[in-house]
Amino acid sequence: MEEFITDVFMWCVYILQVIGGAPGEYGYGYYLANVVIFVLLEPALITLFLTLWLREKRKKRVPK
């Protein structure tokens, strides 16, 4: 199981390196890809889905 987790992690790192523009290296592109995905994109998606969920929840509320 540990080998599987390590393989998945290394695959994810490689994908980030490809997105960053320098496969096999940890350059500014890699760091930029991390910042864009985990600091900007992920919180934005969480906020979007929370807003949509609260909006739907409010719509389905039955008036008394």
C-alpha atoms as a PDB file:
ATOM      1  CA  MET A   1       0.000   0.000   0.000  1.00  0.00           C
ATOM      2  CA  GLU A   2       2.863   2.378   0.819  1.00  0.00           C
ATOM      3  CA  GLU A   3       4.337   1.876  -2.651  1.00  0.00           C
ATOM      4  CA  PHE A   4       0.960   2.682  -4.261  1.00  0.00           C
ATOM      5  CA  ILE A   5       0.641   5.909  -2.269  1.00  0.00           C
ATOM      6  CA  THR A   6       4.197   6.895  -3.171  1.00  0.00           C
ATOM      7  CA  ASP A   7       3.509   6.190  -6.854  1.00  0.00           C
ATOM      8  CA  VAL A   8       0.328   8.295  -6.814  1.00  0.00           C
ATOM      9  CA  PHE A   9       2.150  11.126  -5.045  1.00  0.00           C
ATOM     10  CA  MET A  10       5.031  11.080  -7.523  1.00  0.00           C
ATOM     11  CA  TRP A  11       2.560  11.040 -10.431  1.00  0.00           C
ATOM     12  CA  CYS A  12       0.835  14.115  -8.970  1.00  0.00           C
ATOM     13  CA  VAL A  13       4.198  15.871  -8.537  1.00  0.00           C
ATOM     14  CA  TYR A  14       5.041  15.085 -12.165  1.00  0.00           C
ATOM     15  CA  ILE A  15       1.695  16.546 -13.302  1.00  0.00           C
ATOM     16  CA  LEU A  16       2.434  19.732 -11.323  1.00  0.00           C
ATOM     17  CA  GLN A  17       5.870  19.899 -12.912  1.00  0.00           C
ATOM     18  CA  VAL A  18       4.328  19.545 -16.374  1.00  0.00           C
ATOM     19  CA  ILE A  19       1.811  22.292 -15.599  1.00  0.00           C
ATOM     20  CA  GLY A  20       4.676  24.411 -14.264  1.00  0.00           C
ATOM     21  CA  GLY A  21       6.523  24.028 -17.550  1.00  0.00           C
ATOM     22  CA  ALA A  22       9.650  22.111 -16.504  1.00  0.00           C
ATOM     23  CA  PRO A  23       9.095  18.342 -16.048  1.00  0.00           C
ATOM     24  CA  GLY A  24      11.630  16.815 -13.703  1.00  0.00           C
ATOM     25  CA  GLU A  25      12.532  20.131 -12.064  1.00  0.00           C
ATOM     26  CA  TYR A  26      11.259  22.165  -9.139  1.00  0.00           C
ATOM     27  CA  GLY A  27      11.388  25.641 -10.624  1.00  0.00           C
ATOM     28  CA  TYR A  28       9.217  28.698 -10.319  1.00  0.00           C
ATOM     29  CA  GLY A  29       6.706  27.138 -12.691  1.00  0.00           C
ATOM     30  CA  TYR A  30       6.174  24.250 -10.262  1.00  0.00           C
ATOM     31  CA  TYR A  31       5.750  26.647  -7.365  1.00  0.00           C
ATOM     32  CA  LEU A  32       3.420  28.817  -9.406  1.00  0.00           C
ATOM     33  CA  ALA A  33       1.320  25.769 -10.336  1.00  0.00           C
ATOM     34  CA  ASN A  34       1.031  24.871  -6.634  1.00  0.00           C
ATOM     35  CA  VAL A  35      -0.033  28.392  -5.702  1.00  0.00           C
ATOM     36  CA  VAL A  36      -2.597  28.613  -8.501  1.00  0.00           C
ATOM     37  CA  ILE A  37      -4.131  25.218  -7.728  1.00  0.00           C
ATOM     38  CA  PHE A  38      -4.021  25.088  -3.928  1.00  0.00           C
ATOM     39  CA  VAL A  39      -4.170  28.753  -2.912  1.00  0.00           C
ATOM     40  CA  LEU A  40      -6.432  30.240  -5.594  1.00  0.00           C
ATOM     41  CA  LEU A  41      -8.397  27.568  -7.471  1.00  0.00           C
ATOM     42  CA  GLU A  42      -9.306  25.174  -4.644  1.00  0.00           C
ATOM     43  CA  PRO A  43     -10.636  27.848  -2.222  1.00  0.00           C
ATOM     44  CA  ALA A  44     -12.509  29.507  -5.099  1.00  0.00           C
ATOM     45  CA  LEU A  45     -14.206  26.219  -5.996  1.00  0.00           C
ATOM     46  CA  ILE A  46     -15.056  25.509  -2.361  1.00  0.00           C
ATOM     47  CA  THR A  47     -16.590  28.988  -2.028  1.00  0.00           C
ATOM     48  CA  LEU A  48     -18.520  28.558  -5.286  1.00  0.00           C
ATOM     49  CA  PHE A  49     -19.948  25.170  -4.300  1.00  0.00           C
ATOM     50  CA  LEU A  50     -20.833  26.411  -0.800  1.00  0.00           C
ATOM     51  CA  THR A  51     -22.660  29.396  -2.303  1.00  0.00           C
ATOM     52  CA  LEU A  52     -24.549  27.216  -4.783  1.00  0.00           C
ATOM     53  CA  TRP A  53     -25.461  24.722  -2.055  1.00  0.00           C
ATOM     54  CA  LEU A  54     -26.732  27.451   0.299  1.00  0.00           C
ATOM     55  CA  ARG A  55     -28.744  29.021  -2.539  1.00  0.00           C
ATOM     56  CA  GLU A  56     -30.419  25.679  -3.326  1.00  0.00           C
ATOM     57  CA  LYS A  57     -31.027  25.009   0.359  1.00  0.00           C
ATOM     58  CA  ARG A  58     -32.715  28.413   0.685  1.00  0.00           C
ATOM     59  CA  LYS A  59     -34.903  27.735  -2.395  1.00  0.00           C
ATOM     60  CA  LYS A  60     -36.164  24.431  -1.008  1.00  0.00           C
ATOM     61  CA  ARG A  61     -37.083  25.833   2.402  1.00  0.00           C
ATOM     62  CA  VAL A  62     -40.805  25.439   2.982  1.00  0.00           C
ATOM     63  CA  PRO A  63     -42.540  28.619   4.170  1.00  0.00           C
ATOM     64  CA  LYS A  64     -44.685  28.301   7.320  1.00  0.00           C
END
